[in-house]
N, C-alpha and C. Protein backbone atom coordinates (compact mmCIF):
# COMPACT_ATOMS: atom_id res chain seq x y z
N MET A 1 -38.80 22.47 101.24
CA MET A 1 -37.68 21.86 100.60
C MET A 1 -37.21 20.62 101.34
N GLU A 2 -37.17 20.72 102.69
CA GLU A 2 -36.70 19.58 103.47
C GLU A 2 -37.64 18.40 103.32
N SER A 3 -38.90 18.67 103.11
CA SER A 3 -39.86 17.58 102.96
C SER A 3 -39.65 16.82 101.65
N LEU A 4 -39.12 17.45 100.64
CA LEU A 4 -38.84 16.78 99.36
C LEU A 4 -37.50 16.07 99.38
N ALA A 5 -36.54 16.53 100.16
CA ALA A 5 -35.20 15.96 100.16
C ALA A 5 -35.20 14.53 100.66
N ALA A 6 -35.95 14.23 101.70
CA ALA A 6 -35.96 12.88 102.26
C ALA A 6 -36.54 11.87 101.28
N PRO A 7 -37.72 12.16 100.64
CA PRO A 7 -38.23 11.18 99.67
C PRO A 7 -37.31 11.00 98.46
N LEU A 8 -36.67 12.09 98.00
CA LEU A 8 -35.74 11.98 96.86
C LEU A 8 -34.52 11.14 97.22
N ALA A 9 -34.00 11.34 98.41
CA ALA A 9 -32.85 10.55 98.87
C ALA A 9 -33.23 9.08 99.00
N LEU A 10 -34.40 8.81 99.55
CA LEU A 10 -34.87 7.42 99.66
C LEU A 10 -35.09 6.79 98.29
N GLY A 11 -35.62 7.57 97.35
CA GLY A 11 -35.83 7.07 95.99
C GLY A 11 -34.51 6.75 95.30
N ALA A 12 -33.54 7.63 95.45
CA ALA A 12 -32.21 7.38 94.85
C ALA A 12 -31.56 6.16 95.48
N LEU A 13 -31.72 5.99 96.78
CA LEU A 13 -31.17 4.84 97.47
C LEU A 13 -31.83 3.54 97.00
N ALA A 14 -33.14 3.59 96.78
CA ALA A 14 -33.88 2.40 96.31
C ALA A 14 -33.45 2.03 94.90
N ILE A 15 -33.24 3.02 94.04
CA ILE A 15 -32.80 2.75 92.66
C ILE A 15 -31.39 2.17 92.68
N ALA A 16 -30.53 2.71 93.50
CA ALA A 16 -29.16 2.20 93.60
C ALA A 16 -29.13 0.78 94.12
N ALA A 17 -30.01 0.46 95.08
CA ALA A 17 -30.05 -0.89 95.64
C ALA A 17 -30.62 -1.88 94.64
N ALA A 18 -31.57 -1.44 93.82
CA ALA A 18 -32.21 -2.34 92.86
C ALA A 18 -31.36 -2.58 91.62
N SER A 19 -30.46 -1.66 91.28
CA SER A 19 -29.65 -1.82 90.08
C SER A 19 -28.54 -2.84 90.34
N PRO A 20 -28.19 -3.62 89.30
CA PRO A 20 -27.13 -4.62 89.48
C PRO A 20 -25.78 -3.95 89.70
N PRO A 21 -24.88 -4.63 90.39
CA PRO A 21 -23.56 -4.05 90.61
C PRO A 21 -22.80 -3.88 89.29
N ALA A 22 -21.94 -2.89 89.25
CA ALA A 22 -21.15 -2.65 88.05
C ALA A 22 -20.18 -3.81 87.85
N ALA A 23 -20.10 -4.29 86.62
CA ALA A 23 -19.22 -5.41 86.31
C ALA A 23 -18.20 -4.97 85.28
N ALA A 24 -17.06 -5.58 85.31
CA ALA A 24 -16.02 -5.27 84.33
C ALA A 24 -16.42 -5.80 82.97
N GLU A 25 -16.06 -5.07 81.94
CA GLU A 25 -16.32 -5.52 80.58
C GLU A 25 -15.08 -6.24 80.06
N ASP A 26 -15.33 -7.27 79.26
CA ASP A 26 -14.20 -7.96 78.63
C ASP A 26 -13.70 -7.14 77.45
N LEU A 27 -12.39 -7.00 77.34
CA LEU A 27 -11.80 -6.42 76.15
C LEU A 27 -11.72 -7.50 75.08
N PRO A 28 -11.71 -7.14 73.80
CA PRO A 28 -11.58 -8.17 72.76
C PRO A 28 -10.28 -8.95 73.00
N PRO A 29 -10.35 -10.27 73.18
CA PRO A 29 -9.15 -11.02 73.55
C PRO A 29 -8.19 -11.30 72.38
N GLY A 30 -8.68 -11.29 71.17
CA GLY A 30 -7.83 -11.65 70.03
C GLY A 30 -7.75 -10.53 69.02
N SER A 31 -6.69 -10.57 68.22
CA SER A 31 -6.54 -9.62 67.12
C SER A 31 -5.68 -10.24 66.04
N ILE A 32 -5.95 -9.85 64.81
CA ILE A 32 -5.15 -10.31 63.66
C ILE A 32 -5.10 -9.16 62.65
N GLY A 33 -3.90 -8.91 62.10
CA GLY A 33 -3.77 -7.79 61.18
C GLY A 33 -2.42 -7.67 60.54
N MET A 34 -2.16 -6.49 60.02
CA MET A 34 -0.93 -6.19 59.27
C MET A 34 0.02 -5.36 60.13
N VAL A 35 1.30 -5.43 59.78
CA VAL A 35 2.33 -4.66 60.46
C VAL A 35 3.34 -4.18 59.43
N VAL A 36 3.81 -2.93 59.58
CA VAL A 36 4.85 -2.36 58.72
C VAL A 36 5.84 -1.63 59.62
N GLY A 37 7.06 -1.48 59.15
CA GLY A 37 8.03 -0.80 59.97
C GLY A 37 9.32 -0.46 59.26
N ALA A 38 10.14 0.30 59.97
CA ALA A 38 11.46 0.67 59.53
C ALA A 38 12.46 -0.09 60.38
N ALA A 39 13.51 -0.62 59.76
CA ALA A 39 14.48 -1.46 60.47
C ALA A 39 15.90 -1.07 60.13
N SER A 40 16.80 -1.43 61.06
CA SER A 40 18.23 -1.15 60.85
C SER A 40 19.05 -2.13 61.65
N GLY A 41 20.25 -2.43 61.16
CA GLY A 41 21.19 -3.20 61.94
C GLY A 41 21.69 -2.37 63.11
N VAL A 42 22.15 -3.03 64.17
CA VAL A 42 22.59 -2.35 65.37
C VAL A 42 24.08 -2.59 65.57
N SER A 43 24.80 -1.57 66.00
CA SER A 43 26.21 -1.66 66.35
C SER A 43 27.03 -2.17 65.17
N SER A 44 27.79 -3.25 65.36
CA SER A 44 28.63 -3.76 64.27
C SER A 44 27.79 -4.33 63.14
N ASP A 45 26.53 -4.69 63.42
CA ASP A 45 25.65 -5.20 62.36
C ASP A 45 25.03 -4.10 61.52
N ALA A 46 25.23 -2.84 61.89
CA ALA A 46 24.68 -1.73 61.11
C ALA A 46 25.24 -1.73 59.69
N ASN A 47 26.55 -1.98 59.53
CA ASN A 47 27.15 -2.02 58.19
C ASN A 47 26.78 -3.30 57.45
N ARG A 48 26.70 -4.41 58.17
CA ARG A 48 26.37 -5.69 57.53
C ARG A 48 24.93 -5.72 57.04
N LEU A 49 23.98 -5.17 57.83
CA LEU A 49 22.57 -5.27 57.52
C LEU A 49 21.98 -4.03 56.87
N GLY A 50 22.58 -2.88 57.09
CA GLY A 50 22.05 -1.65 56.50
C GLY A 50 20.76 -1.22 57.17
N TYR A 51 19.88 -0.62 56.38
CA TYR A 51 18.60 -0.12 56.87
C TYR A 51 17.54 -0.44 55.82
N GLY A 52 16.29 -0.46 56.23
CA GLY A 52 15.24 -0.76 55.27
C GLY A 52 13.86 -0.77 55.90
N TYR A 53 12.98 -1.56 55.30
CA TYR A 53 11.60 -1.63 55.77
C TYR A 53 11.17 -3.08 55.93
N GLN A 54 10.10 -3.28 56.68
CA GLN A 54 9.54 -4.61 56.91
C GLN A 54 8.02 -4.54 56.75
N VAL A 55 7.43 -5.59 56.18
CA VAL A 55 5.99 -5.70 55.98
C VAL A 55 5.58 -7.12 56.34
N GLY A 56 4.49 -7.27 57.07
CA GLY A 56 4.06 -8.62 57.43
C GLY A 56 2.72 -8.66 58.11
N ALA A 57 2.51 -9.68 58.93
CA ALA A 57 1.26 -9.90 59.62
C ALA A 57 1.54 -10.22 61.09
N GLN A 58 0.49 -10.02 61.91
CA GLN A 58 0.62 -10.31 63.34
C GLN A 58 -0.71 -10.81 63.87
N ALA A 59 -0.63 -11.60 64.92
CA ALA A 59 -1.82 -12.08 65.62
C ALA A 59 -1.50 -12.09 67.11
N ALA A 60 -2.50 -11.80 67.93
CA ALA A 60 -2.28 -11.75 69.38
C ALA A 60 -3.47 -12.33 70.13
N TRP A 61 -3.19 -12.90 71.29
CA TRP A 61 -4.21 -13.37 72.23
C TRP A 61 -3.88 -12.73 73.57
N GLN A 62 -4.78 -11.86 74.04
CA GLN A 62 -4.51 -11.11 75.26
C GLN A 62 -5.82 -10.87 76.01
N PRO A 63 -6.37 -11.92 76.64
CA PRO A 63 -7.63 -11.77 77.35
C PRO A 63 -7.46 -10.87 78.57
N MET A 64 -8.41 -9.96 78.75
CA MET A 64 -8.31 -9.01 79.84
C MET A 64 -9.66 -8.33 80.05
N THR A 65 -9.94 -7.90 81.26
CA THR A 65 -11.16 -7.13 81.54
C THR A 65 -10.76 -5.70 81.85
N THR A 66 -11.73 -4.80 81.74
CA THR A 66 -11.45 -3.38 81.92
C THR A 66 -11.07 -3.03 83.35
N GLU A 67 -11.43 -3.87 84.33
CA GLU A 67 -11.10 -3.56 85.72
C GLU A 67 -9.65 -3.87 86.07
N ARG A 68 -8.99 -4.70 85.27
CA ARG A 68 -7.60 -5.08 85.56
C ARG A 68 -6.63 -4.08 84.92
N ARG A 69 -5.57 -3.78 85.61
CA ARG A 69 -4.56 -2.86 85.09
C ARG A 69 -3.40 -3.61 84.42
N ILE A 70 -3.21 -4.89 84.78
CA ILE A 70 -2.12 -5.69 84.23
C ILE A 70 -2.69 -7.00 83.71
N GLY A 71 -2.24 -7.40 82.52
CA GLY A 71 -2.67 -8.66 81.92
C GLY A 71 -1.53 -9.29 81.14
N TYR A 72 -1.76 -10.50 80.67
CA TYR A 72 -0.72 -11.18 79.89
C TYR A 72 -1.10 -11.14 78.42
N ALA A 73 -0.13 -11.42 77.57
CA ALA A 73 -0.35 -11.40 76.13
C ALA A 73 0.57 -12.39 75.45
N LEU A 74 0.07 -13.02 74.39
CA LEU A 74 0.85 -13.86 73.49
C LEU A 74 0.74 -13.24 72.11
N LYS A 75 1.86 -13.10 71.41
CA LYS A 75 1.86 -12.46 70.10
C LYS A 75 2.74 -13.22 69.14
N TRP A 76 2.26 -13.39 67.93
CA TRP A 76 3.00 -14.06 66.86
C TRP A 76 3.05 -13.10 65.68
N SER A 77 4.18 -13.04 64.99
CA SER A 77 4.27 -12.21 63.79
C SER A 77 5.31 -12.77 62.83
N PHE A 78 5.13 -12.37 61.59
CA PHE A 78 6.16 -12.63 60.58
C PHE A 78 6.26 -11.38 59.71
N VAL A 79 7.50 -11.04 59.33
CA VAL A 79 7.73 -9.87 58.49
C VAL A 79 8.77 -10.19 57.42
N PHE A 80 8.51 -9.69 56.22
CA PHE A 80 9.48 -9.73 55.15
C PHE A 80 10.20 -8.39 55.14
N GLY A 81 11.53 -8.42 55.08
CA GLY A 81 12.31 -7.19 55.13
C GLY A 81 13.15 -6.99 53.89
N THR A 82 13.34 -5.75 53.54
CA THR A 82 14.26 -5.35 52.47
C THR A 82 15.23 -4.36 53.08
N MET A 83 16.52 -4.72 53.11
CA MET A 83 17.53 -3.89 53.75
C MET A 83 18.47 -3.34 52.67
N TYR A 84 18.60 -2.01 52.65
CA TYR A 84 19.46 -1.33 51.69
C TYR A 84 20.80 -0.99 52.32
N ASP A 85 21.81 -0.76 51.49
CA ASP A 85 23.15 -0.39 51.93
C ASP A 85 23.72 -1.43 52.89
N ALA A 86 23.43 -2.70 52.62
CA ALA A 86 23.90 -3.79 53.46
C ALA A 86 25.22 -4.33 52.94
N GLY A 87 26.23 -4.37 53.80
CA GLY A 87 27.50 -4.95 53.40
C GLY A 87 27.39 -6.43 53.11
N ALA A 88 26.40 -7.11 53.67
CA ALA A 88 26.20 -8.54 53.44
C ALA A 88 25.56 -8.81 52.09
N ALA A 89 25.07 -7.78 51.42
CA ALA A 89 24.41 -7.96 50.13
C ALA A 89 25.47 -8.04 49.03
N SER A 90 26.12 -9.19 48.92
CA SER A 90 27.15 -9.34 47.90
C SER A 90 26.58 -9.64 46.53
N VAL A 91 25.35 -10.11 46.48
CA VAL A 91 24.65 -10.35 45.23
C VAL A 91 23.41 -9.47 45.22
N GLY A 92 23.32 -8.54 44.31
CA GLY A 92 22.18 -7.62 44.27
C GLY A 92 22.43 -6.42 45.16
N GLU A 93 21.47 -5.50 45.13
CA GLU A 93 21.62 -4.26 45.88
C GLU A 93 21.03 -4.29 47.27
N GLU A 94 20.16 -5.25 47.56
CA GLU A 94 19.56 -5.28 48.88
C GLU A 94 19.63 -6.67 49.49
N LEU A 95 19.50 -6.69 50.80
CA LEU A 95 19.47 -7.93 51.56
C LEU A 95 18.01 -8.19 51.92
N LEU A 96 17.49 -9.36 51.57
CA LEU A 96 16.11 -9.72 51.85
C LEU A 96 16.06 -10.63 53.06
N THR A 97 15.12 -10.37 53.96
CA THR A 97 15.03 -11.15 55.19
C THR A 97 13.59 -11.60 55.43
N LEU A 98 13.47 -12.66 56.20
CA LEU A 98 12.18 -13.12 56.72
C LEU A 98 12.39 -13.36 58.21
N GLN A 99 11.55 -12.75 59.04
CA GLN A 99 11.64 -12.93 60.49
C GLN A 99 10.29 -13.45 60.97
N MET A 100 10.33 -14.52 61.77
CA MET A 100 9.12 -15.05 62.40
C MET A 100 9.39 -15.13 63.89
N ASP A 101 8.46 -14.63 64.70
CA ASP A 101 8.68 -14.65 66.14
C ASP A 101 7.40 -14.97 66.89
N VAL A 102 7.59 -15.44 68.10
CA VAL A 102 6.50 -15.64 69.05
C VAL A 102 6.98 -15.05 70.37
N MET A 103 6.11 -14.21 70.98
CA MET A 103 6.50 -13.52 72.22
C MET A 103 5.38 -13.62 73.26
N ALA A 104 5.78 -13.65 74.50
CA ALA A 104 4.86 -13.60 75.62
C ALA A 104 5.23 -12.38 76.45
N GLY A 105 4.23 -11.77 77.08
CA GLY A 105 4.56 -10.59 77.86
C GLY A 105 3.41 -10.05 78.66
N LEU A 106 3.59 -8.81 79.09
CA LEU A 106 2.62 -8.12 79.93
C LEU A 106 2.05 -6.93 79.20
N ARG A 107 0.78 -6.61 79.54
CA ARG A 107 0.13 -5.39 79.12
C ARG A 107 -0.20 -4.61 80.39
N VAL A 108 0.18 -3.36 80.41
CA VAL A 108 -0.04 -2.53 81.60
C VAL A 108 -0.83 -1.29 81.18
N ARG A 109 -1.96 -1.02 81.86
CA ARG A 109 -2.74 0.19 81.59
C ARG A 109 -2.14 1.32 82.40
N PRO A 110 -1.61 2.38 81.75
CA PRO A 110 -0.93 3.43 82.50
C PRO A 110 -1.86 4.40 83.20
N GLY A 111 -3.11 4.52 82.77
CA GLY A 111 -4.03 5.46 83.39
C GLY A 111 -5.39 4.81 83.58
N ASN A 112 -6.43 5.61 83.53
CA ASN A 112 -7.79 5.09 83.73
C ASN A 112 -8.48 4.70 82.43
N ASN A 113 -7.91 5.05 81.28
CA ASN A 113 -8.53 4.73 79.99
C ASN A 113 -8.35 3.24 79.70
N PRO A 114 -9.43 2.44 79.65
CA PRO A 114 -9.29 1.00 79.44
C PRO A 114 -8.98 0.60 78.00
N SER A 115 -8.74 1.57 77.11
CA SER A 115 -8.42 1.23 75.73
C SER A 115 -6.96 1.50 75.39
N ARG A 116 -6.13 1.84 76.38
CA ARG A 116 -4.72 2.19 76.13
C ARG A 116 -3.82 1.36 77.02
N TYR A 117 -2.75 0.76 76.40
CA TYR A 117 -1.86 -0.12 77.16
C TYR A 117 -0.41 0.06 76.71
N ILE A 118 0.49 -0.18 77.66
CA ILE A 118 1.92 -0.29 77.38
C ILE A 118 2.24 -1.78 77.42
N THR A 119 3.05 -2.25 76.46
CA THR A 119 3.36 -3.67 76.38
C THR A 119 4.85 -3.92 76.56
N LEU A 120 5.16 -5.04 77.20
CA LEU A 120 6.53 -5.52 77.39
C LEU A 120 6.53 -6.99 77.03
N ARG A 121 7.32 -7.39 76.02
CA ARG A 121 7.28 -8.78 75.56
C ARG A 121 8.70 -9.32 75.34
N LEU A 122 8.84 -10.64 75.56
CA LEU A 122 10.07 -11.37 75.28
C LEU A 122 9.68 -12.65 74.55
N GLY A 123 10.58 -13.13 73.69
CA GLY A 123 10.28 -14.37 72.99
C GLY A 123 11.45 -14.87 72.18
N ALA A 124 11.10 -15.72 71.21
CA ALA A 124 12.09 -16.33 70.32
C ALA A 124 11.77 -15.97 68.88
N GLN A 125 12.82 -15.93 68.06
CA GLN A 125 12.66 -15.54 66.67
C GLN A 125 13.56 -16.36 65.76
N MET A 126 13.07 -16.60 64.57
CA MET A 126 13.89 -17.19 63.50
C MET A 126 14.06 -16.13 62.42
N LEU A 127 15.29 -15.98 61.94
CA LEU A 127 15.63 -15.01 60.91
C LEU A 127 16.26 -15.77 59.75
N ARG A 128 15.82 -15.47 58.56
CA ARG A 128 16.38 -16.09 57.35
C ARG A 128 16.69 -14.96 56.37
N ALA A 129 17.91 -14.98 55.81
CA ALA A 129 18.33 -13.98 54.84
C ALA A 129 18.59 -14.65 53.49
N ASN A 130 18.53 -13.88 52.42
CA ASN A 130 18.77 -14.45 51.09
C ASN A 130 20.27 -14.59 50.79
N GLN A 131 21.12 -14.03 51.65
CA GLN A 131 22.56 -14.11 51.44
C GLN A 131 23.27 -14.37 52.77
N ILE A 132 24.49 -14.86 52.69
CA ILE A 132 25.28 -15.14 53.90
C ILE A 132 25.61 -13.83 54.61
N ILE A 133 25.48 -13.84 55.94
CA ILE A 133 25.78 -12.67 56.75
C ILE A 133 27.04 -12.97 57.55
N LEU A 134 28.05 -12.12 57.38
CA LEU A 134 29.30 -12.26 58.11
C LEU A 134 29.10 -11.81 59.55
N PRO A 135 29.89 -12.18 60.50
CA PRO A 135 31.04 -13.07 60.41
C PRO A 135 30.66 -14.54 60.57
N SER A 136 29.40 -14.85 60.83
CA SER A 136 29.01 -16.23 61.12
C SER A 136 28.94 -17.11 59.87
N MET A 137 28.84 -16.49 58.69
CA MET A 137 28.76 -17.22 57.42
C MET A 137 27.50 -18.10 57.35
N HIS A 138 26.41 -17.62 57.92
CA HIS A 138 25.13 -18.32 57.88
C HIS A 138 24.07 -17.44 57.25
N ARG A 139 22.97 -18.10 56.82
CA ARG A 139 21.80 -17.38 56.31
C ARG A 139 20.62 -17.51 57.25
N ALA A 140 20.64 -18.47 58.16
CA ALA A 140 19.53 -18.71 59.08
C ALA A 140 20.01 -18.56 60.52
N PHE A 141 19.19 -17.91 61.33
CA PHE A 141 19.54 -17.65 62.72
C PHE A 141 18.31 -17.86 63.59
N ALA A 142 18.53 -18.23 64.84
CA ALA A 142 17.46 -18.32 65.84
C ALA A 142 17.98 -17.67 67.11
N GLY A 143 17.12 -16.89 67.77
CA GLY A 143 17.57 -16.22 68.98
C GLY A 143 16.45 -15.46 69.65
N PRO A 144 16.80 -14.77 70.73
CA PRO A 144 15.80 -14.03 71.49
C PRO A 144 15.39 -12.72 70.82
N VAL A 145 14.17 -12.30 71.13
CA VAL A 145 13.61 -11.04 70.65
C VAL A 145 12.88 -10.36 71.81
N ALA A 146 12.92 -9.04 71.85
CA ALA A 146 12.23 -8.27 72.89
C ALA A 146 11.56 -7.07 72.25
N SER A 147 10.45 -6.64 72.85
CA SER A 147 9.77 -5.45 72.34
C SER A 147 9.12 -4.68 73.48
N VAL A 148 9.03 -3.38 73.27
CA VAL A 148 8.32 -2.46 74.15
C VAL A 148 7.38 -1.69 73.24
N GLY A 149 6.13 -1.52 73.66
CA GLY A 149 5.20 -0.88 72.76
C GLY A 149 4.04 -0.18 73.45
N PHE A 150 3.18 0.34 72.59
CA PHE A 150 1.98 1.07 73.00
C PHE A 150 0.83 0.52 72.16
N GLU A 151 -0.32 0.24 72.80
CA GLU A 151 -1.50 -0.27 72.10
C GLU A 151 -2.70 0.61 72.40
N GLN A 152 -3.55 0.78 71.39
CA GLN A 152 -4.75 1.59 71.53
C GLN A 152 -5.91 0.91 70.79
N TYR A 153 -7.00 0.64 71.51
CA TYR A 153 -8.22 0.14 70.88
C TYR A 153 -9.00 1.33 70.34
N ALA A 154 -9.47 1.23 69.09
CA ALA A 154 -10.30 2.29 68.50
C ALA A 154 -11.03 1.73 67.29
N TYR A 155 -12.33 1.99 67.23
CA TYR A 155 -13.17 1.64 66.07
C TYR A 155 -13.15 0.16 65.72
N GLY A 156 -13.05 -0.71 66.71
CA GLY A 156 -13.03 -2.15 66.47
C GLY A 156 -11.66 -2.68 66.05
N PHE A 157 -10.64 -1.85 66.09
CA PHE A 157 -9.29 -2.24 65.73
C PHE A 157 -8.37 -2.05 66.94
N LEU A 158 -7.24 -2.73 66.90
CA LEU A 158 -6.18 -2.55 67.89
C LEU A 158 -4.96 -2.03 67.12
N PHE A 159 -4.58 -0.80 67.43
CA PHE A 159 -3.41 -0.18 66.80
C PHE A 159 -2.23 -0.30 67.76
N ASN A 160 -1.05 -0.63 67.23
CA ASN A 160 0.11 -0.75 68.09
C ASN A 160 1.35 -0.12 67.44
N LEU A 161 2.21 0.39 68.31
CA LEU A 161 3.50 0.95 67.92
C LEU A 161 4.53 0.29 68.82
N ASP A 162 5.46 -0.47 68.23
CA ASP A 162 6.43 -1.25 68.99
C ASP A 162 7.85 -0.90 68.56
N VAL A 163 8.77 -0.96 69.50
CA VAL A 163 10.20 -0.97 69.21
C VAL A 163 10.65 -2.39 69.50
N ARG A 164 11.17 -3.06 68.48
CA ARG A 164 11.54 -4.47 68.58
C ARG A 164 13.03 -4.65 68.31
N VAL A 165 13.70 -5.39 69.19
CA VAL A 165 15.12 -5.72 69.02
C VAL A 165 15.19 -7.23 68.89
N SER A 166 15.80 -7.71 67.80
CA SER A 166 15.79 -9.15 67.56
C SER A 166 17.20 -9.71 67.38
N GLN A 167 17.28 -11.02 67.61
CA GLN A 167 18.54 -11.77 67.53
C GLN A 167 19.55 -11.22 68.53
N ILE A 168 19.09 -10.95 69.73
CA ILE A 168 19.92 -10.34 70.77
C ILE A 168 21.03 -11.32 71.17
N GLY A 169 22.26 -10.99 70.82
CA GLY A 169 23.42 -11.78 71.23
C GLY A 169 23.63 -13.08 70.50
N SER A 170 22.73 -13.49 69.61
CA SER A 170 22.89 -14.80 68.98
C SER A 170 23.02 -14.72 67.46
N GLY A 171 22.81 -13.58 66.88
CA GLY A 171 22.89 -13.44 65.44
C GLY A 171 22.96 -11.97 65.09
N PRO A 172 22.70 -11.62 63.84
CA PRO A 172 22.72 -10.20 63.46
C PRO A 172 21.58 -9.46 64.14
N THR A 173 21.91 -8.45 64.92
CA THR A 173 20.91 -7.73 65.71
C THR A 173 20.25 -6.64 64.88
N ILE A 174 18.91 -6.65 64.88
CA ILE A 174 18.11 -5.70 64.14
C ILE A 174 17.20 -4.96 65.11
N ILE A 175 17.11 -3.65 64.97
CA ILE A 175 16.14 -2.87 65.73
C ILE A 175 15.12 -2.34 64.72
N ALA A 176 13.84 -2.39 65.10
CA ALA A 176 12.78 -1.97 64.18
C ALA A 176 11.72 -1.20 64.93
N LEU A 177 11.17 -0.19 64.28
CA LEU A 177 10.01 0.55 64.76
C LEU A 177 8.84 0.05 63.94
N MET A 178 7.90 -0.63 64.58
CA MET A 178 6.80 -1.31 63.89
C MET A 178 5.47 -0.67 64.22
N PHE A 179 4.63 -0.46 63.18
CA PHE A 179 3.26 0.02 63.37
C PHE A 179 2.31 -1.04 62.85
N GLY A 180 1.33 -1.40 63.69
CA GLY A 180 0.39 -2.43 63.30
C GLY A 180 -1.04 -1.98 63.47
N ALA A 181 -1.91 -2.54 62.65
CA ALA A 181 -3.35 -2.33 62.75
C ALA A 181 -4.00 -3.70 62.62
N SER A 182 -4.75 -4.09 63.65
CA SER A 182 -5.34 -5.42 63.69
C SER A 182 -6.83 -5.32 63.99
N LYS A 183 -7.60 -6.19 63.38
CA LYS A 183 -9.01 -6.31 63.71
C LYS A 183 -9.11 -7.06 65.01
N SER A 184 -9.79 -6.49 66.01
CA SER A 184 -9.88 -7.12 67.31
C SER A 184 -11.25 -7.77 67.45
N GLY A 185 -11.28 -8.84 68.21
CA GLY A 185 -12.54 -9.53 68.44
C GLY A 185 -12.34 -10.81 69.21
N PRO A 186 -13.41 -11.61 69.28
CA PRO A 186 -13.31 -12.87 70.02
C PRO A 186 -12.46 -13.90 69.31
């Protein structure tokens, strides 16, 4: 047995020395897809904005390799919203909104799985409503937006679940739970 152990160990060592070193794989840096969610006004804006749903599109650029645990991300999205039981809806039964935002942030891998990430993003947003929203008496707003989320790569897609708070301190504040599915690739 001892006579076989030395040649096997030398053979394994030779194979290990001849094989190329392990390299990190690139994750798909870009994604584009659809997003849907549930939204509501926050605090005093809860009565003005009501609650409803949002539907839209999103795109992201987040180059990263599997060996890195932290990376950066840029994300753009737009969503059309329909808000029910809105005090601001003086004409018609619902308040219609359009939100467009651009955010920059971090992606953090919480464990060893290179297909799962937690995201933290900040950015700017424009909000447009079909009716005047009190107390500002405006229909268009611009302000900061923030989100915290979870991303999972699977089957060539990037799935995400985000909690997004928009118009923080500068307009009607909306909180939304957003689910997205995007085709990922170069």
